[in-house]
Structures are given as structure tokens and as C-alpha cells.
Amino acid sequence: TMPFSIQVGDYFRPDLRIAYRRDNPANAWYIAIDIQNFINRDNDDALDYNFDPDRKDWVFGFQSGIVPVLSFQIDF
């Protein structure tokens, strides 16, 4: 085989954020929910250097699917 001939696929990870901000005279706060990879696409992470003899091919690792992140911030 040719060195460096195997490449990972194209990377695509759309994220979605919904946030609410409240401004008060003494402070401000906001709360947000982030949904990373909201279409749950399996992106190639890296090529593991393990050969699968059943498939006769190299094994790719995959990144995580949907990741929800809740955040809250207070500004004084």
C-alpha cells in the first residue's frame, strides 16, 4: 500500500444554540442550551492503527453523536 493514501472522510458537525438573556440594573444573566452535532452525524475521528481481518480493512474511530450542553452565566 501507499503511505498516507488512506484519508478520513469530510467533517461536518452543525451545532444549535438557544439562549435567553435577562438584563437587570445591578446584573445580567443568561441561560442557554447547546446541542452539538444535532443531526447526529458519525464523523470520522481518526484512523486507528488496527487492521480488522474479518473486513480486511483498517478500522476508523468515530466522534460522539449528539452532545447537549446546558450553561448559565451571571454578570455583575
PDB file of N, CA and C in Angstrom:
ATOM      1  N   THR A   1       0.832  -1.198   0.000  1.00  0.00           N
ATOM      2  CA  THR A   1       0.000   0.000   0.000  1.00  0.00           C
ATOM      3  C   THR A   1       0.868   1.250   0.000  1.00  0.00           C
ATOM      4  N   MET A   2       0.286   2.328  -0.444  1.00  0.00           N
ATOM      5  CA  MET A   2       0.985   3.612  -0.480  1.00  0.00           C
ATOM      6  C   MET A   2       0.861   4.294   0.886  1.00  0.00           C
ATOM      7  N   PRO A   3       1.949   4.836   1.419  1.00  0.00           N
ATOM      8  CA  PRO A   3       1.838   5.556   2.686  1.00  0.00           C
ATOM      9  C   PRO A   3       0.964   6.802   2.535  1.00  0.00           C
ATOM     10  N   PHE A   4       0.203   7.095   3.561  1.00  0.00           N
ATOM     11  CA  PHE A   4      -0.682   8.265   3.617  1.00  0.00           C
ATOM     12  C   PHE A   4      -1.760   8.250   2.533  1.00  0.00           C
ATOM     13  N   SER A   5      -2.112   7.105   2.012  1.00  0.00           N
ATOM     14  CA  SER A   5      -3.139   7.043   0.973  1.00  0.00           C
ATOM     15  C   SER A   5      -4.542   6.924   1.566  1.00  0.00           C
ATOM     16  N   ILE A   6      -4.655   6.460   2.808  1.00  0.00           N
ATOM     17  CA  ILE A   6      -5.969   6.360   3.445  1.00  0.00           C
ATOM     18  C   ILE A   6      -6.255   7.673   4.160  1.00  0.00           C
ATOM     19  N   GLN A   7      -7.414   8.271   3.871  1.00  0.00           N
ATOM     20  CA  GLN A   7      -7.794   9.537   4.485  1.00  0.00           C
ATOM     21  C   GLN A   7      -9.147   9.394   5.160  1.00  0.00           C
ATOM     22  N   VAL A   8      -9.364  10.206   6.170  1.00  0.00           N
ATOM     23  CA  VAL A   8     -10.671  10.221   6.815  1.00  0.00           C
ATOM     24  C   VAL A   8     -11.637  11.000   5.928  1.00  0.00           C
ATOM     25  N   GLY A   9     -12.921  10.797   6.155  1.00  0.00           N
ATOM     26  CA  GLY A   9     -13.942  11.459   5.342  1.00  0.00           C
ATOM     27  C   GLY A   9     -14.099  12.931   5.687  1.00  0.00           C
ATOM     28  N   ASP A  10     -14.991  13.591   4.969  1.00  0.00           N
ATOM     29  CA  ASP A  10     -15.271  15.004   5.212  1.00  0.00           C
ATOM     30  C   ASP A  10     -15.898  15.186   6.590  1.00  0.00           C
ATOM     31  N   TYR A  11     -15.599  16.318   7.208  1.00  0.00           N
ATOM     32  CA  TYR A  11     -16.086  16.629   8.550  1.00  0.00           C
ATOM     33  C   TYR A  11     -17.233  17.621   8.451  1.00  0.00           C
ATOM     34  N   PHE A  12     -18.349  17.303   9.117  1.00  0.00           N
ATOM     35  CA  PHE A  12     -19.498  18.201   9.155  1.00  0.00           C
ATOM     36  C   PHE A  12     -20.204  18.002  10.485  1.00  0.00           C
ATOM     37  N   ARG A  13     -20.281  19.063  11.307  1.00  0.00           N
ATOM     38  CA  ARG A  13     -20.936  18.972  12.608  1.00  0.00           C
ATOM     39  C   ARG A  13     -21.706  20.262  12.877  1.00  0.00           C
ATOM     40  N   PRO A  14     -22.981  20.339  12.500  1.00  0.00           N
ATOM     41  CA  PRO A  14     -23.745  21.548  12.808  1.00  0.00           C
ATOM     42  C   PRO A  14     -24.165  21.561  14.273  1.00  0.00           C
ATOM     43  N   ASP A  15     -24.083  22.742  14.873  1.00  0.00           N
ATOM     44  CA  ASP A  15     -24.471  22.934  16.262  1.00  0.00           C
ATOM     45  C   ASP A  15     -25.681  23.858  16.308  1.00  0.00           C
ATOM     46  N   LEU A  16     -26.427  23.764  17.393  1.00  0.00           N
ATOM     47  CA  LEU A  16     -27.612  24.589  17.584  1.00  0.00           C
ATOM     48  C   LEU A  16     -27.568  25.163  18.991  1.00  0.00           C
ATOM     49  N   ARG A  17     -27.865  26.451  19.131  1.00  0.00           N
ATOM     50  CA  ARG A  17     -27.891  27.092  20.451  1.00  0.00           C
ATOM     51  C   ARG A  17     -29.172  27.900  20.586  1.00  0.00           C
ATOM     52  N   ILE A  18     -29.827  27.724  21.730  1.00  0.00           N
ATOM     53  CA  ILE A  18     -30.995  28.513  22.099  1.00  0.00           C
ATOM     54  C   ILE A  18     -30.656  29.168  23.433  1.00  0.00           C
ATOM     55  N   ALA A  19     -30.779  30.502  23.499  1.00  0.00           N
ATOM     56  CA  ALA A  19     -30.377  31.222  24.707  1.00  0.00           C
ATOM     57  C   ALA A  19     -31.408  32.281  25.066  1.00  0.00           C
ATOM     58  N   TYR A  20     -31.454  32.579  26.353  1.00  0.00           N
ATOM     59  CA  TYR A  20     -32.306  33.645  26.867  1.00  0.00           C
ATOM     60  C   TYR A  20     -31.451  34.527  27.764  1.00  0.00           C
ATOM     61  N   ARG A  21     -31.471  35.831  27.538  1.00  0.00           N
ATOM     62  CA  ARG A  21     -30.682  36.777  28.333  1.00  0.00           C
ATOM     63  C   ARG A  21     -31.618  37.762  29.026  1.00  0.00           C
ATOM     64  N   ARG A  22     -31.304  38.028  30.283  1.00  0.00           N
ATOM     65  CA  ARG A  22     -32.099  38.976  31.073  1.00  0.00           C
ATOM     66  C   ARG A  22     -31.164  40.038  31.639  1.00  0.00           C
ATOM     67  N   ASP A  23     -31.424  41.308  31.312  1.00  0.00           N
ATOM     68  CA  ASP A  23     -30.627  42.426  31.819  1.00  0.00           C
ATOM     69  C   ASP A  23     -31.387  43.118  32.942  1.00  0.00           C
ATOM     70  N   ASN A  24     -30.758  43.202  34.105  1.00  0.00           N
ATOM     71  CA  ASN A  24     -31.297  43.904  35.264  1.00  0.00           C
ATOM     72  C   ASN A  24     -30.397  45.103  35.551  1.00  0.00           C
ATOM     73  N   PRO A  25     -30.855  46.069  36.357  1.00  0.00           N
ATOM     74  CA  PRO A  25     -29.993  47.226  36.655  1.00  0.00           C
ATOM     75  C   PRO A  25     -28.684  46.852  37.360  1.00  0.00           C
ATOM     76  N   ALA A  26     -28.705  45.872  38.247  1.00  0.00           N
ATOM     77  CA  ALA A  26     -27.497  45.519  39.009  1.00  0.00           C
ATOM     78  C   ALA A  26     -26.713  44.369  38.392  1.00  0.00           C
ATOM     79  N   ASN A  27     -27.354  43.581  37.571  1.00  0.00           N
ATOM     80  CA  ASN A  27     -26.670  42.420  36.994  1.00  0.00           C
ATOM     81  C   ASN A  27     -27.384  41.978  35.718  1.00  0.00           C
ATOM     82  N   ALA A  28     -26.817  40.985  35.114  1.00  0.00           N
ATOM     83  CA  ALA A  28     -27.425  40.370  33.927  1.00  0.00           C
ATOM     84  C   ALA A  28     -27.137  38.876  33.991  1.00  0.00           C
ATOM     85  N   TRP A  29     -28.029  38.087  33.424  1.00  0.00           N
ATOM     86  CA  TRP A  29     -27.792  36.644  33.396  1.00  0.00           C
ATOM     87  C   TRP A  29     -28.345  36.078  32.095  1.00  0.00           C
ATOM     88  N   TYR A  30     -27.812  34.927  31.760  1.00  0.00           N
ATOM     89  CA  TYR A  30     -28.394  34.221  30.626  1.00  0.00           C
ATOM     90  C   TYR A  30     -28.272  32.721  30.838  1.00  0.00           C
ATOM     91  N   ILE A  31     -29.199  32.033  30.220  1.00  0.00           N
ATOM     92  CA  ILE A  31     -29.218  30.577  30.254  1.00  0.00           C
ATOM     93  C   ILE A  31     -29.281  30.109  28.801  1.00  0.00           C
ATOM     94  N   ALA A  32     -28.567  29.043  28.514  1.00  0.00           N
ATOM     95  CA  ALA A  32     -28.508  28.568  27.126  1.00  0.00           C
ATOM     96  C   ALA A  32     -28.415  27.050  27.094  1.00  0.00           C
ATOM     97  N   ILE A  33     -28.931  26.483  26.049  1.00  0.00           N
ATOM     98  CA  ILE A  33     -28.754  25.056  25.759  1.00  0.00           C
ATOM     99  C   ILE A  33     -28.082  24.965  24.398  1.00  0.00           C
ATOM    100  N   ASP A  34     -26.969  24.267  24.359  1.00  0.00           N
ATOM    101  CA  ASP A  34     -26.259  23.998  23.109  1.00  0.00           C
ATOM    102  C   ASP A  34     -26.461  22.533  22.768  1.00  0.00           C
ATOM    103  N   ILE A  35     -26.747  22.267  21.533  1.00  0.00           N
ATOM    104  CA  ILE A  35     -26.827  20.885  21.064  1.00  0.00           C
ATOM    105  C   ILE A  35     -25.769  20.739  19.979  1.00  0.00           C
ATOM    106  N   GLN A  36     -24.690  20.059  20.336  1.00  0.00           N
ATOM    107  CA  GLN A  36     -23.596  19.867  19.395  1.00  0.00           C
ATOM    108  C   GLN A  36     -23.888  18.636  18.548  1.00  0.00           C
ATOM    109  N   ASN A  37     -23.613  18.749  17.261  1.00  0.00           N
ATOM    110  CA  ASN A  37     -23.869  17.678  16.294  1.00  0.00           C
ATOM    111  C   ASN A  37     -25.351  17.277  16.320  1.00  0.00           C
ATOM    112  N   PHE A  38     -26.233  18.257  16.180  1.00  0.00           N
ATOM    113  CA  PHE A  38     -27.658  17.989  16.364  1.00  0.00           C
ATOM    114  C   PHE A  38     -28.273  17.110  15.280  1.00  0.00           C
ATOM    115  N   ILE A  39     -27.555  16.840  14.190  1.00  0.00           N
ATOM    116  CA  ILE A  39     -28.077  15.888  13.203  1.00  0.00           C
ATOM    117  C   ILE A  39     -27.525  14.482  13.436  1.00  0.00           C
ATOM    118  N   ASN A  40     -26.707  14.334  14.487  1.00  0.00           N
ATOM    119  CA  ASN A  40     -26.178  13.033  14.911  1.00  0.00           C
ATOM    120  C   ASN A  40     -25.367  12.349  13.810  1.00  0.00           C
ATOM    121  N   ARG A  41     -24.535  13.108  13.146  1.00  0.00           N
ATOM    122  CA  ARG A  41     -23.692  12.552  12.084  1.00  0.00           C
ATOM    123  C   ARG A  41     -22.470  11.849  12.681  1.00  0.00           C
ATOM    124  N   ASP A  42     -22.119  10.698  12.149  1.00  0.00           N
ATOM    125  CA  ASP A  42     -20.927   9.965  12.573  1.00  0.00           C
ATOM    126  C   ASP A  42     -19.736  10.444  11.757  1.00  0.00           C
ATOM    127  N   ASN A  43     -18.981  11.398  12.316  1.00  0.00           N
ATOM    128  CA  ASN A  43     -17.773  11.885  11.666  1.00  0.00           C
ATOM    129  C   ASN A  43     -16.606  10.977  12.015  1.00  0.00           C
ATOM    130  N   ASP A  44     -15.730  10.773  11.041  1.00  0.00           N
ATOM    131  CA  ASP A  44     -14.523  10.002  11.313  1.00  0.00           C
ATOM    132  C   ASP A  44     -13.653  10.789  12.274  1.00  0.00           C
ATOM    133  N   ASP A  45     -13.176  10.121  13.310  1.00  0.00           N
ATOM    134  CA  ASP A  45     -12.321  10.789  14.287  1.00  0.00           C
ATOM    135  C   ASP A  45     -10.863  10.629  13.896  1.00  0.00           C
ATOM    136  N   ALA A  46     -10.462   9.421  13.679  1.00  0.00           N
ATOM    137  CA  ALA A  46      -9.076   9.146  13.309  1.00  0.00           C
ATOM    138  C   ALA A  46      -9.006   7.716  12.791  1.00  0.00           C
ATOM    139  N   LEU A  47      -7.944   7.430  12.135  1.00  0.00           N
ATOM    140  CA  LEU A  47      -7.716   6.067  11.672  1.00  0.00           C
ATOM    141  C   LEU A  47      -6.954   5.335  12.761  1.00  0.00           C
ATOM    142  N   ASP A  48      -7.593   4.363  13.388  1.00  0.00           N
ATOM    143  CA  ASP A  48      -6.899   3.540  14.369  1.00  0.00           C
ATOM    144  C   ASP A  48      -5.954   2.618  13.616  1.00  0.00           C
ATOM    145  N   TYR A  49      -4.832   2.369  14.189  1.00  0.00           N
ATOM    146  CA  TYR A  49      -3.865   1.513  13.517  1.00  0.00           C
ATOM    147  C   TYR A  49      -4.129   0.052  13.844  1.00  0.00           C
ATOM    148  N   ASN A  50      -5.386  -0.343  13.688  1.00  0.00           N
ATOM    149  CA  ASN A  50      -5.802  -1.726  13.889  1.00  0.00           C
ATOM    150  C   ASN A  50      -6.399  -2.234  12.586  1.00  0.00           C
ATOM    151  N   PHE A  51      -5.924  -3.347  12.162  1.00  0.00           N
ATOM    152  CA  PHE A  51      -6.436  -3.951  10.938  1.00  0.00           C
ATOM    153  C   PHE A  51      -7.479  -4.984  11.318  1.00  0.00           C
ATOM    154  N   ASP A  52      -8.667  -4.877  10.753  1.00  0.00           N
ATOM    155  CA  ASP A  52      -9.734  -5.835  11.020  1.00  0.00           C
ATOM    156  C   ASP A  52      -9.629  -6.960   9.996  1.00  0.00           C
ATOM    157  N   PRO A  53      -9.212  -8.153  10.423  1.00  0.00           N
ATOM    158  CA  PRO A  53      -9.030  -9.239   9.453  1.00  0.00           C
ATOM    159  C   PRO A  53     -10.343  -9.743   8.856  1.00  0.00           C
ATOM    160  N   ASP A  54     -11.456  -9.580   9.579  1.00  0.00           N
ATOM    161  CA  ASP A  54     -12.742 -10.021   9.028  1.00  0.00           C
ATOM    162  C   ASP A  54     -13.171  -9.138   7.858  1.00  0.00           C
ATOM    163  N   ARG A  55     -12.962  -7.841   7.993  1.00  0.00           N
ATOM    164  CA  ARG A  55     -13.316  -6.906   6.924  1.00  0.00           C
ATOM    165  C   ARG A  55     -12.180  -6.686   5.946  1.00  0.00           C
ATOM    166  N   LYS A  56     -10.984  -7.089   6.341  1.00  0.00           N
ATOM    167  CA  LYS A  56      -9.778  -6.867   5.541  1.00  0.00           C
ATOM    168  C   LYS A  56      -9.598  -5.376   5.233  1.00  0.00           C
ATOM    169  N   ASP A  57      -9.726  -4.573   6.285  1.00  0.00           N
ATOM    170  CA  ASP A  57      -9.645  -3.128   6.124  1.00  0.00           C
ATOM    171  C   ASP A  57      -9.211  -2.510   7.446  1.00  0.00           C
ATOM    172  N   TRP A  58      -8.760  -1.249   7.378  1.00  0.00           N
ATOM    173  CA  TRP A  58      -8.386  -0.514   8.581  1.00  0.00           C
ATOM    174  C   TRP A  58      -9.639  -0.041   9.299  1.00  0.00           C
ATOM    175  N   VAL A  59      -9.569   0.099  10.604  1.00  0.00           N
ATOM    176  CA  VAL A  59     -10.721   0.463  11.423  1.00  0.00           C
ATOM    177  C   VAL A  59     -10.694   1.961  11.714  1.00  0.00           C
ATOM    178  N   PHE A  60     -11.777   2.647  11.414  1.00  0.00           N
ATOM    179  CA  PHE A  60     -11.918   4.068  11.720  1.00  0.00           C
ATOM    180  C   PHE A  60     -12.629   4.231  13.058  1.00  0.00           C
ATOM    181  N   GLY A  61     -12.202   5.223  13.842  1.00  0.00           N
ATOM    182  CA  GLY A  61     -12.926   5.614  15.044  1.00  0.00           C
ATOM    183  C   GLY A  61     -13.909   6.717  14.686  1.00  0.00           C
ATOM    184  N   PHE A  62     -14.938   6.873  15.479  1.00  0.00           N
ATOM    185  CA  PHE A  62     -15.952   7.891  15.210  1.00  0.00           C
ATOM    186  C   PHE A  62     -16.079   8.829  16.401  1.00  0.00           C
ATOM    187  N   GLN A  63     -16.455  10.071  16.127  1.00  0.00           N
ATOM    188  CA  GLN A  63     -16.691  11.039  17.187  1.00  0.00           C
ATOM    189  C   GLN A  63     -18.059  10.793  17.803  1.00  0.00           C
ATOM    190  N   SER A  64     -18.291  11.446  18.930  1.00  0.00           N
ATOM    191  CA  SER A  64     -19.556  11.252  19.633  1.00  0.00           C
ATOM    192  C   SER A  64     -20.717  11.833  18.828  1.00  0.00           C
ATOM    193  N   GLY A  65     -21.904  11.387  19.162  1.00  0.00           N
ATOM    194  CA  GLY A  65     -23.110  11.850  18.482  1.00  0.00           C
ATOM    195  C   GLY A  65     -23.598  13.160  19.068  1.00  0.00           C
ATOM    196  N   ILE A  66     -24.864  13.210  19.402  1.00  0.00           N
ATOM    197  CA  ILE A  66     -25.468  14.423  19.952  1.00  0.00           C
ATOM    198  C   ILE A  66     -24.934  14.669  21.359  1.00  0.00           C
ATOM    199  N   VAL A  67     -24.490  15.915  21.607  1.00  0.00           N
ATOM    200  CA  VAL A  67     -23.967  16.294  22.925  1.00  0.00           C
ATOM    201  C   VAL A  67     -24.721  17.537  23.395  1.00  0.00           C
ATOM    202  N   PRO A  68     -25.597  17.400  24.419  1.00  0.00           N
ATOM    203  CA  PRO A  68     -26.269  18.583  24.948  1.00  0.00           C
ATOM    204  C   PRO A  68     -25.402  19.266  26.005  1.00  0.00           C
ATOM    205  N   VAL A  69     -25.360  20.606  25.972  1.00  0.00           N
ATOM    206  CA  VAL A  69     -24.583  21.382  26.941  1.00  0.00           C
ATOM    207  C   VAL A  69     -25.494  22.480  27.482  1.00  0.00           C
ATOM    208  N   LEU A  70     -25.720  22.466  28.790  1.00  0.00           N
ATOM    209  CA  LEU A  70     -26.526  23.484  29.444  1.00  0.00           C
ATOM    210  C   LEU A  70     -25.588  24.471  30.128  1.00  0.00           C
ATOM    211  N   SER A  71     -25.808  25.775  29.927  1.00  0.00           N
ATOM    212  CA  SER A  71     -24.931  26.772  30.542  1.00  0.00           C
ATOM    213  C   SER A  71     -25.757  27.895  31.156  1.00  0.00           C
ATOM    214  N   PHE A  72     -25.198  28.444  32.244  1.00  0.00           N
ATOM    215  CA  PHE A  72     -25.826  29.549  32.955  1.00  0.00           C
ATOM    216  C   PHE A  72     -24.728  30.517  33.354  1.00  0.00           C
ATOM    217  N   GLN A  73     -24.958  31.817  33.149  1.00  0.00           N
ATOM    218  CA  GLN A  73     -23.934  32.814  33.462  1.00  0.00           C
ATOM    219  C   GLN A  73     -24.583  34.025  34.107  1.00  0.00           C
ATOM    220  N   ILE A  74     -23.910  34.544  35.148  1.00  0.00           N
ATOM    221  CA  ILE A  74     -24.348  35.771  35.805  1.00  0.00           C
ATOM    222  C   ILE A  74     -23.240  36.800  35.653  1.00  0.00           C
ATOM    223  N   ASP A  75     -23.582  37.992  35.194  1.00  0.00           N
ATOM    224  CA  ASP A  75     -22.635  39.104  35.067  1.00  0.00           C
ATOM    225  C   ASP A  75     -23.022  40.181  36.075  1.00  0.00           C
ATOM    226  N   PHE A  76     -22.039  40.625  36.862  1.00  0.00           N
ATOM    227  CA  PHE A  76     -22.272  41.680  37.856  1.00  0.00           C
ATOM    228  C   PHE A  76     -21.738  42.995  37.366  1.00  0.00           C
TER     229      PHE A  76
END
